[in-house]
Amino acid sequence: MNDRLRNGPGRRNGNSAAKSGRLMRMVAVAALAGALRSLVPMSPAEEGPGGVRTDDGIWLRTQILGRQDAPVTVVFSHGFASHAQEFRYQCEALGRRARLVLFDQRGHGDSGWGTYRSATMDQLGRDLGKVIDQQAGEGPVVLVGHSMGGMAVMSLAGQRPGLFGHRVVGVALLSTAAGHLTKMELPDGVARGAVRTGLATAAAWSLWLLAPAIDRVAPFRRPWGRRWLLKQLFGDDKPSPDTFRAVQETLVHTQQSMVSAFYPAMVAYNRTDSLDVFRRIPTLVLTGDDDRTVPQQRSKHLARSIGDNARIVTVPGAGHMVNLTHSRAVNDALTELLDQVETETRPGNPG
């Protein structure tokens, strides 16, 4: 009896105190990170030969390719810690039939950065809107978003629903989700608790504090970092050496301070409220069945939430970087989407 009493409530109280102490330490780290972020200089927004100025003054590098007199413009929105060139195979496939607009997201590639307060999915949605307004011409637009780029598309849909069905006549959402990203690698109960208590955000800011050290270590150049990268982004389907080297170099040259700045926004991201907008237009939802970053269940849930206008395509054996490793399957799906959009927007079409 005495042993049970000693190891019962007392032990539970001790565990609670320990958990509270850990939580307080995590919160303190988050608060310190928030205080320090204003002391760190951001990379300047340098104006280049082609680009867009955002609502907060950041210069985004853009490229316009493809057929300039095409009836449809395709705007590509790339993923996290990447750049516009991740769509190079899609540009090769679609360049003869569509006008193509690519841009580097803020903090990525050759675009400017700004402040940590601007590292949000809502801001990426506003940036995408500026690219459409200034670079997409006057005709119909199809948006193609991969991973975080797809989240930017969904953020824009929530901010400016009137664009969809009027200017934006089709959407492709590749390897992305509308929210609940913390559930990807954690049991539901743990994920909900991490978000509710703020532990997920605190952990993200802890990563920010370690960013300079991580940059010096250059983990993706080391064997253990390469193994993690292969598993997380490509699954069991190994990429070609050229594809892996290109992705590796992009990540190596992406500052961890930028990575950790966006991570809290992705942890808290939830734009399920914008999905009704996609019911107005043809929407492609594409996923790889070996995606370790955004598991196919999240993409399939996204398609079900959109409803009948969403076409789900699952690419066997593909991981998260499906547009690079299985470009033919992605290009075929995008071609079908463009066929549908051009048919529905053709003058005289009753639809």
Protein backbone atom coordinates (compact mmCIF):
# COMPACT_ATOMS: atom_id res chain seq x y z
CA MET A 1 0.00 0.00 0.00
CA ASN A 2 2.76 2.41 0.96
CA ASP A 3 4.67 1.60 -2.25
CA ARG A 4 1.51 2.21 -4.30
CA LEU A 5 0.93 5.56 -2.60
CA ARG A 6 4.55 6.49 -3.02
CA ASN A 7 4.56 5.63 -6.73
CA GLY A 8 1.01 6.85 -7.44
CA PRO A 9 -0.09 10.45 -6.95
CA GLY A 10 3.37 11.58 -5.92
CA ARG A 11 4.91 10.14 -9.03
CA ARG A 12 2.21 11.65 -11.21
CA ASN A 13 2.76 15.04 -9.59
CA GLY A 14 6.47 14.70 -10.21
CA ASN A 15 5.85 13.85 -13.87
CA SER A 16 3.51 16.83 -14.18
CA ALA A 17 6.10 19.13 -12.67
CA ALA A 18 8.76 17.80 -15.02
CA LYS A 19 6.48 18.28 -18.03
CA SER A 20 5.62 21.78 -16.88
CA GLY A 21 9.30 22.57 -16.49
CA ARG A 22 10.05 21.32 -19.99
CA LEU A 23 7.14 23.33 -21.37
CA MET A 24 8.36 26.48 -19.62
CA ARG A 25 11.85 25.99 -21.03
CA MET A 26 10.43 25.58 -24.52
CA VAL A 27 8.28 28.67 -24.12
CA ALA A 28 11.32 30.61 -22.88
CA VAL A 29 13.29 29.53 -25.92
CA ALA A 30 10.43 30.65 -28.17
CA ALA A 31 10.24 34.03 -26.42
CA LEU A 32 14.00 34.49 -26.71
CA ALA A 33 13.88 33.63 -30.39
CA GLY A 34 11.12 36.15 -30.91
CA ALA A 35 13.15 38.84 -29.19
CA LEU A 36 16.35 38.05 -31.06
CA ARG A 37 14.85 37.85 -34.52
CA SER A 38 14.54 41.63 -34.71
CA LEU A 39 18.32 41.93 -34.16
CA VAL A 40 19.30 39.76 -37.12
CA PRO A 41 19.74 41.56 -40.45
CA MET A 42 17.67 40.20 -43.31
CA SER A 43 18.94 39.85 -46.86
CA PRO A 44 18.04 42.94 -48.88
CA ALA A 45 15.37 42.98 -51.54
CA GLU A 46 17.39 43.79 -54.64
CA GLU A 47 15.55 44.81 -57.79
CA GLY A 48 16.56 42.79 -60.84
CA PRO A 49 15.79 42.88 -64.55
CA GLY A 50 12.55 40.93 -64.23
CA GLY A 51 10.32 40.78 -61.21
CA VAL A 52 7.45 41.97 -59.07
CA ARG A 53 7.34 44.34 -56.10
CA THR A 54 5.20 42.95 -53.26
CA ASP A 55 2.88 44.88 -50.95
CA ASP A 56 5.63 45.09 -48.31
CA GLY A 57 8.34 46.17 -50.73
CA ILE A 58 10.08 42.85 -51.43
CA TRP A 59 11.38 42.20 -54.93
CA LEU A 60 10.46 38.77 -56.32
CA ARG A 61 12.43 37.47 -59.26
CA THR A 62 10.21 36.27 -62.11
CA GLN A 63 10.67 34.65 -65.50
CA ILE A 64 8.28 34.60 -68.43
CA LEU A 65 8.74 31.71 -70.84
CA GLY A 66 6.79 29.71 -73.37
CA ARG A 67 4.45 30.83 -76.12
CA GLN A 68 3.67 34.51 -75.61
CA ASP A 69 0.49 34.49 -77.71
CA ALA A 70 -0.95 31.40 -76.02
CA PRO A 71 -4.60 31.44 -74.91
CA VAL A 72 -3.70 30.41 -71.34
CA THR A 73 -0.98 31.52 -68.91
CA VAL A 74 0.38 29.00 -66.39
CA VAL A 75 1.81 30.44 -63.15
CA PHE A 76 4.08 28.09 -61.18
CA SER A 77 4.42 28.38 -57.38
CA HIS A 78 7.34 26.32 -56.04
CA GLY A 79 7.82 24.56 -52.74
CA PHE A 80 9.71 25.12 -49.49
CA ALA A 81 13.51 25.53 -49.63
CA SER A 82 13.43 25.28 -53.42
CA HIS A 83 13.20 27.71 -56.35
CA ALA A 84 11.41 28.17 -59.65
CA GLN A 85 13.71 25.78 -61.51
CA GLU A 86 12.06 22.81 -59.83
CA PHE A 87 9.48 23.14 -62.63
CA ARG A 88 12.01 22.93 -65.47
CA TYR A 89 10.59 19.67 -66.87
CA GLN A 90 7.06 21.07 -66.80
CA CYS A 91 8.25 24.16 -68.67
CA GLU A 92 9.84 21.99 -71.35
CA ALA A 93 6.60 20.06 -71.78
CA LEU A 94 4.15 22.99 -71.75
CA GLY A 95 6.19 25.79 -73.31
CA ARG A 96 4.83 25.31 -76.83
CA ARG A 97 1.19 25.58 -75.85
CA ALA A 98 1.10 28.03 -72.91
CA ARG A 99 2.62 31.23 -71.64
CA LEU A 100 4.61 30.37 -68.51
CA VAL A 101 5.30 32.55 -65.47
CA LEU A 102 7.76 31.39 -62.82
CA PHE A 103 8.97 33.18 -59.71
CA ASP A 104 11.13 32.55 -56.67
CA GLN A 105 9.18 32.78 -53.41
CA ARG A 106 10.38 35.36 -50.90
CA GLY A 107 13.52 34.15 -49.13
CA HIS A 108 14.16 31.62 -51.90
CA GLY A 109 16.33 31.62 -54.99
CA ASP A 110 17.09 35.14 -56.21
CA SER A 111 14.15 36.88 -54.52
CA GLY A 112 14.39 39.26 -51.59
CA TRP A 113 13.55 38.32 -48.06
CA GLY A 114 12.21 40.98 -45.72
CA THR A 115 11.55 40.25 -42.04
CA TYR A 116 10.57 37.19 -40.05
CA ARG A 117 7.12 38.62 -39.55
CA SER A 118 6.50 38.19 -43.28
CA ALA A 119 7.29 34.45 -43.25
CA THR A 120 3.63 33.40 -43.38
CA MET A 121 1.41 31.47 -45.75
CA ASP A 122 -0.92 34.46 -45.98
CA GLN A 123 1.95 36.62 -47.20
CA LEU A 124 2.88 34.01 -49.80
CA GLY A 125 -0.73 34.12 -50.99
CA ARG A 126 -0.55 37.90 -51.36
CA ASP A 127 2.78 37.58 -53.20
CA LEU A 128 1.22 35.12 -55.63
CA GLY A 129 -1.64 37.53 -56.22
CA LYS A 130 0.86 40.27 -57.11
CA VAL A 131 2.59 37.97 -59.59
CA ILE A 132 -0.75 37.23 -61.27
CA ASP A 133 -1.74 40.90 -61.35
CA GLN A 134 1.56 42.12 -62.80
CA GLN A 135 2.88 39.23 -64.89
CA ALA A 136 0.01 36.98 -66.01
CA GLY A 137 -1.43 39.20 -68.73
CA GLU A 138 -5.16 39.66 -69.34
CA GLY A 139 -6.27 36.14 -70.27
CA PRO A 140 -7.18 33.03 -68.28
CA VAL A 141 -4.68 31.66 -65.78
CA VAL A 142 -3.90 28.17 -64.50
CA LEU A 143 -2.04 27.94 -61.19
CA VAL A 144 0.37 25.09 -60.44
CA GLY A 145 1.54 24.86 -56.82
CA HIS A 146 3.92 22.28 -55.38
CA SER A 147 4.06 21.65 -51.61
CA MET A 148 4.34 25.06 -49.91
CA GLY A 149 3.54 26.63 -53.27
CA GLY A 150 0.20 24.82 -53.21
CA MET A 151 -0.44 26.27 -49.75
CA ALA A 152 0.16 29.73 -51.22
CA VAL A 153 -2.48 28.98 -53.87
CA MET A 154 -4.98 27.99 -51.17
CA SER A 155 -4.13 31.11 -49.15
CA LEU A 156 -4.78 33.27 -52.22
CA ALA A 157 -8.12 31.51 -52.74
CA GLY A 158 -9.15 32.49 -49.21
CA GLN A 159 -8.01 36.08 -49.66
CA ARG A 160 -9.32 36.75 -53.18
CA PRO A 161 -12.02 34.20 -54.03
CA GLY A 162 -13.28 36.43 -56.84
CA LEU A 163 -10.17 35.61 -58.89
CA PHE A 164 -11.17 31.97 -59.13
CA GLY A 165 -13.57 31.22 -61.93
CA HIS A 166 -12.87 34.66 -63.43
CA ARG A 167 -9.10 35.00 -63.97
CA VAL A 168 -7.99 31.68 -62.50
CA VAL A 169 -9.73 28.95 -64.52
CA GLY A 170 -7.80 25.89 -63.34
CA VAL A 171 -5.53 24.78 -60.50
CA ALA A 172 -3.02 21.96 -59.97
CA LEU A 173 -2.06 21.15 -56.37
CA LEU A 174 0.98 18.87 -56.26
CA SER A 175 2.17 17.10 -53.11
CA THR A 176 0.40 19.52 -50.80
CA ALA A 177 -2.26 19.73 -48.09
CA ALA A 178 -4.75 22.25 -46.74
CA GLY A 179 -3.63 21.89 -43.12
CA HIS A 180 -2.96 19.51 -40.21
CA LEU A 181 0.69 19.27 -41.20
CA THR A 182 1.78 18.29 -37.68
CA LYS A 183 -0.08 15.00 -38.12
CA MET A 184 2.31 13.86 -40.82
CA GLU A 185 4.89 12.25 -38.57
CA LEU A 186 3.09 12.18 -35.20
CA PRO A 187 0.13 10.33 -33.67
CA ASP A 188 -3.00 12.50 -33.68
CA GLY A 189 -3.01 13.01 -29.91
CA VAL A 190 0.61 14.10 -29.82
CA ALA A 191 0.14 16.40 -32.82
CA ARG A 192 -2.93 18.09 -31.33
CA GLY A 193 -1.16 18.54 -28.00
CA ALA A 194 1.92 20.04 -29.67
CA VAL A 195 -0.17 22.66 -31.44
CA ARG A 196 -2.47 23.36 -28.45
CA THR A 197 0.37 23.91 -25.97
CA GLY A 198 2.55 25.81 -28.40
CA LEU A 199 5.31 23.18 -28.27
CA ALA A 200 5.40 22.84 -32.07
CA THR A 201 5.95 26.56 -32.52
CA ALA A 202 8.46 26.68 -29.67
CA ALA A 203 10.43 23.84 -31.24
CA ALA A 204 10.46 25.72 -34.53
CA TRP A 205 11.89 28.83 -32.88
CA SER A 206 14.47 26.64 -31.12
CA LEU A 207 15.58 25.52 -34.57
CA TRP A 208 15.91 29.20 -35.52
CA LEU A 209 18.34 29.77 -32.64
CA LEU A 210 20.49 26.89 -33.88
CA ALA A 211 20.35 28.05 -37.50
CA PRO A 212 23.88 29.55 -37.74
CA ALA A 213 25.42 26.36 -36.33
CA ILE A 214 23.35 24.22 -38.70
CA ASP A 215 24.51 26.31 -41.66
CA ARG A 216 28.13 25.69 -40.64
CA VAL A 217 27.59 21.95 -40.26
CA ALA A 218 26.00 21.78 -43.76
CA PRO A 219 24.11 18.56 -42.93
CA PHE A 220 22.95 17.86 -46.48
CA ARG A 221 26.56 17.53 -47.62
CA ARG A 222 27.21 14.79 -45.07
CA PRO A 223 26.37 11.09 -45.54
CA TRP A 224 23.73 11.00 -42.79
CA GLY A 225 22.13 14.18 -44.18
CA ARG A 226 22.05 12.75 -47.69
CA ARG A 227 20.41 9.57 -46.41
CA TRP A 228 17.70 11.59 -44.64
CA LEU A 229 17.18 13.74 -47.73
CA LEU A 230 16.77 10.73 -49.99
CA LYS A 231 14.22 9.15 -47.67
CA GLN A 232 12.24 12.29 -46.91
CA LEU A 233 11.98 13.79 -50.39
CA PHE A 234 12.23 10.77 -52.68
CA GLY A 235 10.98 7.77 -50.70
CA ASP A 236 12.20 4.40 -51.96
CA ASP A 237 12.36 5.59 -55.59
CA LYS A 238 15.92 6.84 -55.90
CA PRO A 239 16.36 9.89 -58.14
CA SER A 240 18.95 10.26 -60.86
CA PRO A 241 22.30 11.60 -59.65
CA ASP A 242 21.67 14.90 -61.46
CA THR A 243 18.25 15.37 -59.85
CA PHE A 244 19.55 14.56 -56.38
CA ARG A 245 22.55 16.84 -56.80
CA ALA A 246 20.32 19.73 -57.91
CA VAL A 247 18.00 19.33 -54.90
CA GLN A 248 20.94 18.90 -52.54
CA GLU A 249 22.65 22.06 -53.78
CA THR A 250 19.42 24.04 -53.42
CA LEU A 251 19.02 22.95 -49.79
CA VAL A 252 22.68 23.49 -48.97
CA HIS A 253 22.44 27.09 -50.19
CA THR A 254 19.16 27.77 -48.39
CA GLN A 255 19.87 29.52 -45.09
CA GLN A 256 18.50 27.71 -42.04
CA SER A 257 17.31 31.05 -40.64
CA MET A 258 14.86 31.23 -43.55
CA VAL A 259 13.86 27.59 -43.14
CA SER A 260 13.11 28.03 -39.44
CA ALA A 261 11.29 31.32 -40.05
CA PHE A 262 8.73 29.64 -42.29
CA TYR A 263 8.42 26.45 -40.25
CA PRO A 264 6.09 27.86 -37.53
CA ALA A 265 3.76 29.14 -40.27
CA MET A 266 3.57 25.68 -41.81
CA VAL A 267 2.97 24.07 -38.42
CA ALA A 268 -0.01 26.36 -37.81
CA TYR A 269 -1.22 26.36 -41.42
CA ASN A 270 -4.90 25.59 -42.04
CA ARG A 271 -6.80 26.85 -45.09
CA THR A 272 -9.60 24.30 -45.26
CA ASP A 273 -11.92 27.31 -45.23
CA SER A 274 -10.85 28.21 -48.79
CA LEU A 275 -11.55 24.88 -50.47
CA ASP A 276 -15.08 25.80 -51.57
CA VAL A 277 -13.48 28.16 -54.09
CA PHE A 278 -11.94 25.25 -56.01
CA ARG A 279 -15.35 23.72 -56.64
CA ARG A 280 -15.87 26.40 -59.31
CA ILE A 281 -12.99 25.28 -61.54
CA PRO A 282 -11.18 22.14 -62.71
CA THR A 283 -8.69 21.16 -60.02
CA LEU A 284 -5.93 18.56 -60.25
CA VAL A 285 -4.65 17.08 -56.98
CA LEU A 286 -1.53 14.98 -57.58
CA THR A 287 0.47 12.96 -55.08
CA GLY A 288 3.10 10.23 -54.94
CA ASP A 289 2.21 7.08 -53.04
CA ASP A 290 5.62 7.13 -51.32
CA ASP A 291 5.58 10.79 -50.24
CA ARG A 292 7.14 10.96 -46.75
CA THR A 293 6.75 14.75 -46.45
CA VAL A 294 3.07 15.19 -47.31
CA PRO A 295 1.68 11.63 -47.23
CA GLN A 296 -0.78 10.74 -49.95
CA GLN A 297 -3.60 10.52 -47.39
CA ARG A 298 -3.40 14.31 -46.94
CA SER A 299 -3.68 14.92 -50.69
CA LYS A 300 -6.56 12.47 -51.02
CA HIS A 301 -8.34 14.19 -48.14
CA LEU A 302 -7.79 17.49 -49.93
CA ALA A 303 -9.38 16.14 -53.11
CA ARG A 304 -12.38 14.73 -51.22
CA SER A 305 -12.87 18.06 -49.46
CA ILE A 306 -12.96 19.91 -52.78
CA GLY A 307 -15.47 17.49 -54.26
CA ASP A 308 -16.46 16.53 -57.79
CA ASN A 309 -14.35 19.16 -59.55
CA ALA A 310 -11.15 17.66 -58.13
CA ARG A 311 -9.34 14.95 -60.02
CA ILE A 312 -6.95 12.92 -57.88
CA VAL A 313 -3.87 11.41 -59.52
CA THR A 314 -1.60 9.12 -57.51
CA VAL A 315 1.80 8.38 -59.03
CA PRO A 316 3.09 4.91 -58.05
CA GLY A 317 6.50 4.88 -56.39
CA ALA A 318 6.85 8.67 -56.34
CA GLY A 319 8.04 10.67 -53.37
CA HIS A 320 7.59 14.35 -52.54
CA MET A 321 9.60 15.71 -55.50
CA VAL A 322 7.30 14.00 -57.97
CA ASN A 323 7.57 16.82 -60.52
CA LEU A 324 11.30 16.09 -60.83
CA THR A 325 11.41 12.32 -60.54
CA HIS A 326 8.21 11.43 -62.40
CA SER A 327 7.96 14.37 -64.74
CA ARG A 328 6.17 12.46 -67.50
CA ALA A 329 3.26 11.53 -65.22
CA VAL A 330 3.04 15.10 -63.91
CA ASN A 331 3.29 16.60 -67.40
CA ASP A 332 0.59 14.28 -68.71
CA ALA A 333 -1.75 15.27 -65.87
CA LEU A 334 -1.07 18.97 -66.45
CA THR A 335 -1.65 18.56 -70.18
CA GLU A 336 -5.05 17.01 -69.49
CA LEU A 337 -5.89 19.90 -67.17
CA LEU A 338 -4.93 22.43 -69.86
CA ASP A 339 -7.00 20.53 -72.44
CA GLN A 340 -10.03 20.75 -70.16
CA VAL A 341 -9.47 24.42 -69.34
CA GLU A 342 -8.99 25.45 -72.97
CA THR A 343 -12.14 23.58 -74.00
CA GLU A 344 -14.23 25.22 -71.24
CA THR A 345 -12.88 28.73 -71.89
CA ARG A 346 -13.06 28.60 -75.69
CA PRO A 347 -15.33 31.34 -77.11
CA GLY A 348 -18.80 30.02 -77.84
CA ASN A 349 -18.50 27.15 -75.38
CA PRO A 350 -21.83 26.97 -73.47
CA GLY A 351 -20.05 25.84 -70.28
